[in-house]
N, C-alpha and C. Protein backbone atom coordinates (compact mmCIF):
# COMPACT_ATOMS: atom_id res chain seq x y z
N MET A 1 -56.95 77.66 -120.42
CA MET A 1 -57.74 78.00 -119.09
C MET A 1 -56.63 78.41 -117.95
N ARG A 2 -55.73 77.41 -117.74
CA ARG A 2 -54.94 77.75 -116.88
C ARG A 2 -54.01 79.02 -117.14
N LYS A 3 -53.77 79.13 -118.12
CA LYS A 3 -52.75 80.30 -118.83
C LYS A 3 -53.47 81.62 -118.44
N ILE A 4 -54.78 81.68 -118.71
CA ILE A 4 -55.54 82.95 -118.34
C ILE A 4 -55.79 83.11 -116.88
N LYS A 5 -56.06 82.20 -115.96
CA LYS A 5 -55.68 82.00 -114.51
C LYS A 5 -54.39 82.83 -114.28
N VAL A 6 -53.40 82.17 -114.70
CA VAL A 6 -52.06 82.76 -114.18
C VAL A 6 -51.98 84.13 -114.61
N LEU A 7 -52.27 84.49 -115.86
CA LEU A 7 -52.19 85.77 -116.28
C LEU A 7 -52.95 86.62 -115.24
N ILE A 8 -54.24 86.38 -115.02
CA ILE A 8 -54.90 87.23 -114.29
C ILE A 8 -54.41 87.57 -113.02
N GLY A 9 -53.77 86.28 -112.48
CA GLY A 9 -53.20 86.29 -110.99
C GLY A 9 -51.89 87.23 -111.13
N LEU A 10 -50.98 87.27 -111.93
CA LEU A 10 -49.91 88.02 -112.27
C LEU A 10 -50.29 89.35 -112.36
N PHE A 11 -51.44 89.80 -113.06
CA PHE A 11 -51.85 91.09 -113.29
C PHE A 11 -52.36 91.70 -111.97
N ILE A 12 -52.97 90.79 -111.09
CA ILE A 12 -53.50 91.38 -109.62
C ILE A 12 -52.12 91.66 -108.78
N VAL A 13 -51.33 90.58 -109.19
CA VAL A 13 -50.17 91.04 -108.12
C VAL A 13 -49.20 92.25 -108.49
N MET A 14 -49.25 92.19 -109.72
CA MET A 14 -48.43 93.48 -110.37
C MET A 14 -49.30 95.03 -109.95
N LEU A 15 -50.60 94.59 -110.10
CA LEU A 15 -51.37 95.84 -109.70
C LEU A 15 -51.16 96.36 -108.13
N ILE A 16 -51.06 95.10 -107.30
CA ILE A 16 -50.70 95.34 -105.82
C ILE A 16 -49.57 96.06 -105.55
N LEU A 17 -48.66 95.47 -106.21
CA LEU A 17 -47.16 95.86 -106.13
C LEU A 17 -46.96 97.42 -106.44
N SER A 18 -47.62 97.72 -107.61
CA SER A 18 -47.52 99.06 -108.09
C SER A 18 -48.25 100.11 -107.21
N MET A 19 -49.43 99.63 -106.38
CA MET A 19 -49.96 100.49 -105.51
C MET A 19 -49.14 100.67 -104.24
N ASP A 20 -48.28 99.69 -103.90
CA ASP A 20 -47.58 99.69 -102.65
C ASP A 20 -46.26 100.50 -103.20
N LEU A 21 -45.72 100.41 -104.06
CA LEU A 21 -44.48 101.35 -104.74
C LEU A 21 -44.94 102.76 -104.84
N GLY A 22 -46.35 103.15 -105.44
CA GLY A 22 -46.88 104.43 -105.41
C GLY A 22 -47.01 105.26 -104.27
N SER A 23 -47.33 104.33 -103.17
CA SER A 23 -47.40 104.94 -101.89
C SER A 23 -46.16 105.19 -101.41
N ILE A 24 -45.28 104.36 -101.47
CA ILE A 24 -43.66 104.64 -101.00
C ILE A 24 -43.10 105.80 -101.65
N PHE A 25 -43.19 106.05 -102.98
CA PHE A 25 -42.74 106.99 -103.68
C PHE A 25 -43.15 108.33 -103.28
N SER A 26 -44.67 108.20 -103.05
CA SER A 26 -45.24 109.36 -102.58
C SER A 26 -44.79 110.08 -101.08
N ASP A 27 -44.44 108.86 -100.18
CA ASP A 27 -44.06 109.24 -98.84
C ASP A 27 -42.74 109.70 -99.06
N THR A 28 -41.84 109.10 -99.85
CA THR A 28 -40.60 109.77 -100.38
C THR A 28 -40.58 111.23 -100.67
N LYS A 29 -41.43 111.33 -101.60
CA LYS A 29 -41.51 112.65 -102.16
C LYS A 29 -41.70 113.78 -101.08
N THR A 30 -42.75 113.38 -100.11
CA THR A 30 -43.39 114.23 -99.19
C THR A 30 -42.09 114.82 -98.12
N GLU A 31 -41.27 113.51 -97.78
CA GLU A 31 -40.04 113.61 -97.03
C GLU A 31 -38.97 114.71 -97.65
N GLN A 32 -38.86 114.41 -99.04
CA GLN A 32 -37.82 115.21 -99.68
C GLN A 32 -38.30 116.71 -99.70
N THR A 33 -39.70 116.91 -99.78
CA THR A 33 -40.01 118.41 -99.81
C THR A 33 -39.76 119.09 -98.44
N LYS A 34 -39.96 118.15 -97.40
CA LYS A 34 -39.78 118.73 -95.98
C LYS A 34 -38.36 119.04 -95.86
N VAL A 35 -37.41 118.20 -96.35
CA VAL A 35 -36.05 118.14 -96.22
C VAL A 35 -35.68 119.61 -97.00
N GLU A 36 -36.18 119.64 -98.22
CA GLU A 36 -35.68 121.02 -98.97
C GLU A 36 -36.26 122.09 -98.37
N SER A 37 -37.50 122.07 -97.53
CA SER A 37 -37.88 123.38 -96.91
C SER A 37 -36.93 123.78 -95.82
N THR A 38 -36.76 122.73 -95.03
CA THR A 38 -35.96 122.71 -93.96
C THR A 38 -34.59 123.47 -94.29
N GLN A 39 -34.05 122.94 -95.55
CA GLN A 39 -32.57 123.59 -96.00
C GLN A 39 -32.91 125.11 -96.33
N THR A 40 -33.99 125.08 -97.12
CA THR A 40 -34.13 126.49 -97.52
C THR A 40 -34.34 127.56 -96.34
N GLU A 41 -34.98 127.11 -95.21
CA GLU A 41 -35.24 127.98 -94.11
C GLU A 41 -33.79 128.26 -93.54
N SER A 42 -33.10 127.14 -93.43
CA SER A 42 -31.71 127.33 -92.86
C SER A 42 -30.78 128.29 -93.49
N PHE A 43 -30.99 128.26 -94.87
CA PHE A 43 -30.18 129.06 -95.84
C PHE A 43 -30.44 130.42 -95.33
N PHE A 44 -31.68 130.92 -95.28
CA PHE A 44 -32.20 132.21 -95.05
C PHE A 44 -31.81 132.57 -93.73
N GLN A 45 -31.84 131.77 -92.83
CA GLN A 45 -31.28 131.88 -91.40
C GLN A 45 -29.99 132.38 -91.41
N PHE A 46 -29.08 131.45 -92.24
CA PHE A 46 -27.91 131.69 -92.12
C PHE A 46 -27.34 132.99 -92.88
N ALA A 47 -28.06 133.26 -94.00
CA ALA A 47 -27.97 134.47 -94.73
C ALA A 47 -28.28 135.90 -93.55
N ASN A 48 -29.38 135.55 -93.09
CA ASN A 48 -29.82 136.92 -92.08
C ASN A 48 -28.73 136.84 -90.98
N LEU A 49 -28.01 135.80 -90.36
CA LEU A 49 -27.01 135.79 -89.50
C LEU A 49 -25.62 136.53 -89.97
N GLN A 50 -25.41 136.36 -91.36
CA GLN A 50 -24.24 136.78 -92.11
C GLN A 50 -24.66 138.34 -92.17
N HIS A 51 -25.82 138.71 -92.49
CA HIS A 51 -25.99 140.04 -92.51
C HIS A 51 -25.96 140.70 -91.10
N ASN A 52 -26.22 139.87 -90.18
CA ASN A 52 -26.23 140.66 -88.70
C ASN A 52 -24.85 140.79 -88.44
N LEU A 53 -23.86 139.79 -88.53
CA LEU A 53 -22.54 139.79 -88.39
C LEU A 53 -21.66 141.15 -89.00
N THR A 54 -22.35 141.30 -90.57
CA THR A 54 -21.64 142.33 -91.04
C THR A 54 -22.16 143.44 -90.34
N CYS A 55 -23.14 143.91 -90.08
CA CYS A 55 -23.37 144.82 -89.34
C CYS A 55 -22.81 145.18 -87.86
N ILE A 56 -22.70 144.13 -87.06
CA ILE A 56 -22.06 143.96 -85.96
C ILE A 56 -20.59 144.57 -86.25
N THR A 57 -20.00 143.72 -87.37
CA THR A 57 -18.50 144.28 -87.76
C THR A 57 -18.38 145.59 -87.72
N SER A 58 -19.17 146.18 -88.70
CA SER A 58 -19.06 147.40 -88.97
C SER A 58 -19.50 148.47 -87.75
N ALA A 59 -20.33 148.28 -86.86
CA ALA A 59 -20.66 148.75 -85.70
C ALA A 59 -19.33 148.88 -84.70
N VAL A 60 -18.90 147.55 -84.39
CA VAL A 60 -17.60 147.61 -83.77
C VAL A 60 -16.44 148.22 -84.28
N ARG A 61 -16.34 148.27 -85.62
CA ARG A 61 -15.34 148.99 -86.25
C ARG A 61 -15.37 150.57 -85.96
N ASN A 62 -16.56 150.94 -86.08
CA ASN A 62 -16.98 152.45 -85.99
C ASN A 62 -16.68 152.75 -84.46
N VAL A 63 -17.27 151.89 -83.41
CA VAL A 63 -16.96 152.14 -82.21
C VAL A 63 -15.46 152.52 -81.74
N ILE A 64 -14.76 151.37 -82.10
CA ILE A 64 -13.26 151.35 -81.86
C ILE A 64 -12.30 152.61 -82.46
N SER A 65 -12.87 153.02 -83.77
CA SER A 65 -12.11 154.02 -84.35
C SER A 65 -12.69 155.45 -84.07
N GLN A 66 -13.70 155.51 -83.28
CA GLN A 66 -14.32 156.71 -82.69
C GLN A 66 -13.51 156.83 -81.10
N LYS A 67 -13.53 155.88 -80.53
CA LYS A 67 -13.17 155.65 -79.22
C LYS A 67 -11.68 156.36 -79.32
N THR A 68 -10.80 155.52 -80.00
CA THR A 68 -9.59 155.48 -79.90
C THR A 68 -9.21 156.20 -81.31
N GLN A 69 -8.80 157.57 -81.57
CA GLN A 69 -8.34 158.01 -82.74
C GLN A 69 -7.11 157.63 -82.80
N SER A 70 -6.18 157.07 -81.88
CA SER A 70 -4.77 157.01 -82.13
C SER A 70 -4.40 155.58 -83.01
N ILE A 71 -5.62 154.48 -82.88
CA ILE A 71 -5.05 153.20 -83.72
C ILE A 71 -5.51 153.61 -85.19
N THR A 72 -4.76 152.72 -85.81
CA THR A 72 -5.21 152.87 -87.25
C THR A 72 -6.58 152.21 -87.76
N THR A 73 -7.09 152.46 -88.86
CA THR A 73 -8.28 151.75 -89.35
C THR A 73 -7.80 150.39 -89.48
N LYS A 74 -6.87 149.78 -89.79
CA LYS A 74 -6.18 148.67 -90.09
C LYS A 74 -6.26 147.80 -88.75
N THR A 75 -5.85 148.46 -87.57
CA THR A 75 -6.13 147.73 -86.46
C THR A 75 -7.55 147.60 -85.92
N ALA A 76 -8.17 148.53 -85.98
CA ALA A 76 -9.76 148.63 -85.83
C ALA A 76 -10.48 147.41 -86.72
N ASP A 77 -10.16 147.30 -87.84
CA ASP A 77 -10.58 146.40 -88.47
C ASP A 77 -10.28 144.89 -88.09
N LYS A 78 -8.82 144.72 -87.79
CA LYS A 78 -8.35 143.52 -86.92
C LYS A 78 -9.27 143.01 -86.05
N TYR A 79 -9.44 144.06 -85.04
CA TYR A 79 -10.39 143.88 -83.75
C TYR A 79 -11.91 143.36 -84.13
N ALA A 80 -12.34 144.14 -85.10
CA ALA A 80 -13.63 143.92 -85.67
C ALA A 80 -13.77 142.34 -86.21
N ASN A 81 -12.81 142.32 -86.98
CA ASN A 81 -12.89 140.96 -87.48
C ASN A 81 -12.69 139.82 -86.86
N ALA A 82 -11.95 139.98 -85.75
CA ALA A 82 -11.65 139.06 -84.46
C ALA A 82 -12.77 138.96 -83.90
N ILE A 83 -13.66 139.78 -83.64
CA ILE A 83 -14.98 139.62 -82.97
C ILE A 83 -16.13 138.82 -84.00
N ALA A 84 -16.13 139.49 -85.06
CA ALA A 84 -16.93 138.66 -85.93
C ALA A 84 -16.77 137.15 -86.04
N ASN A 85 -15.32 137.04 -86.27
CA ASN A 85 -14.97 135.50 -86.34
C ASN A 85 -15.45 134.76 -85.22
N THR A 86 -15.07 135.08 -84.00
CA THR A 86 -15.61 134.63 -82.68
C THR A 86 -17.06 134.37 -82.72
N THR A 87 -17.66 135.25 -83.30
CA THR A 87 -19.31 135.07 -83.15
C THR A 87 -19.71 134.27 -84.15
N THR A 88 -18.86 134.39 -85.46
CA THR A 88 -19.44 133.52 -86.46
C THR A 88 -19.01 131.70 -85.82
N LYS A 89 -18.07 131.59 -85.48
CA LYS A 89 -17.77 130.37 -84.96
C LYS A 89 -18.76 129.92 -83.64
N THR A 90 -19.21 130.63 -82.86
CA THR A 90 -20.30 130.33 -81.91
C THR A 90 -21.43 130.04 -82.67
N VAL A 91 -21.87 130.67 -83.75
CA VAL A 91 -23.09 130.55 -84.49
C VAL A 91 -23.06 129.18 -85.04
N GLU A 92 -21.78 129.15 -85.78
CA GLU A 92 -21.63 127.94 -86.44
C GLU A 92 -21.78 126.69 -85.44
N ASN A 93 -21.31 126.71 -84.34
CA ASN A 93 -21.31 125.72 -83.36
C ASN A 93 -23.00 125.29 -83.00
N VAL A 94 -23.50 126.26 -82.84
CA VAL A 94 -24.92 126.42 -82.37
C VAL A 94 -25.94 125.53 -83.65
N ILE A 95 -25.57 125.89 -84.73
CA ILE A 95 -26.25 125.45 -86.00
C ILE A 95 -25.70 124.00 -86.11
N THR A 96 -24.68 123.62 -85.99
CA THR A 96 -23.99 122.20 -86.04
C THR A 96 -25.07 121.25 -84.70
N LYS A 97 -24.88 121.91 -83.75
CA LYS A 97 -25.67 121.22 -82.59
C LYS A 97 -27.12 121.09 -82.90
N GLU A 98 -27.73 121.90 -83.50
CA GLU A 98 -29.11 121.93 -83.71
C GLU A 98 -29.40 120.91 -85.19
N GLN A 99 -28.75 121.10 -85.87
CA GLN A 99 -28.62 119.91 -87.13
C GLN A 99 -28.49 118.44 -86.54
N GLY A 100 -27.49 118.57 -85.57
CA GLY A 100 -27.39 117.03 -84.76
C GLY A 100 -28.57 116.64 -84.23
N LYS A 101 -29.24 117.71 -83.41
CA LYS A 101 -30.50 117.27 -82.84
C LYS A 101 -31.71 116.88 -83.94
N GLU A 102 -31.71 117.69 -84.91
CA GLU A 102 -32.51 117.42 -86.03
C GLU A 102 -32.19 115.90 -86.68
N THR A 103 -31.12 115.75 -86.86
CA THR A 103 -30.69 114.43 -87.43
C THR A 103 -30.99 113.10 -86.33
N ALA A 104 -30.80 113.50 -85.02
CA ALA A 104 -31.04 112.32 -84.02
C ALA A 104 -32.63 112.11 -83.87
N LYS A 105 -33.32 113.44 -84.13
CA LYS A 105 -34.79 113.15 -84.06
C LYS A 105 -35.45 111.96 -85.16
N LYS A 106 -34.87 112.33 -86.51
CA LYS A 106 -35.14 111.23 -87.38
C LYS A 106 -34.56 110.06 -87.36
């Protein structure tokens, strides 16, 4: 009789533990989904920024080459790339700061 009570007690304890673990795992899955969603959103924002930077670089290159016919395309490319690199670094700094804020919130 005592063995049966012990087995029933163990079964109840295991049942309670499995319920708690189930809720922990479901919460973890929810958090993981939120992180993946944020990462996907960040990726698309970064891709959009890259596209915008490409457009800016092209526009700067065109303006430089139109305004000063005396400079070569290579020089115009150098100026345009310098502007794009500066813009990219600024954008990367902003993204890093925002990610730091998100991490601090967690």
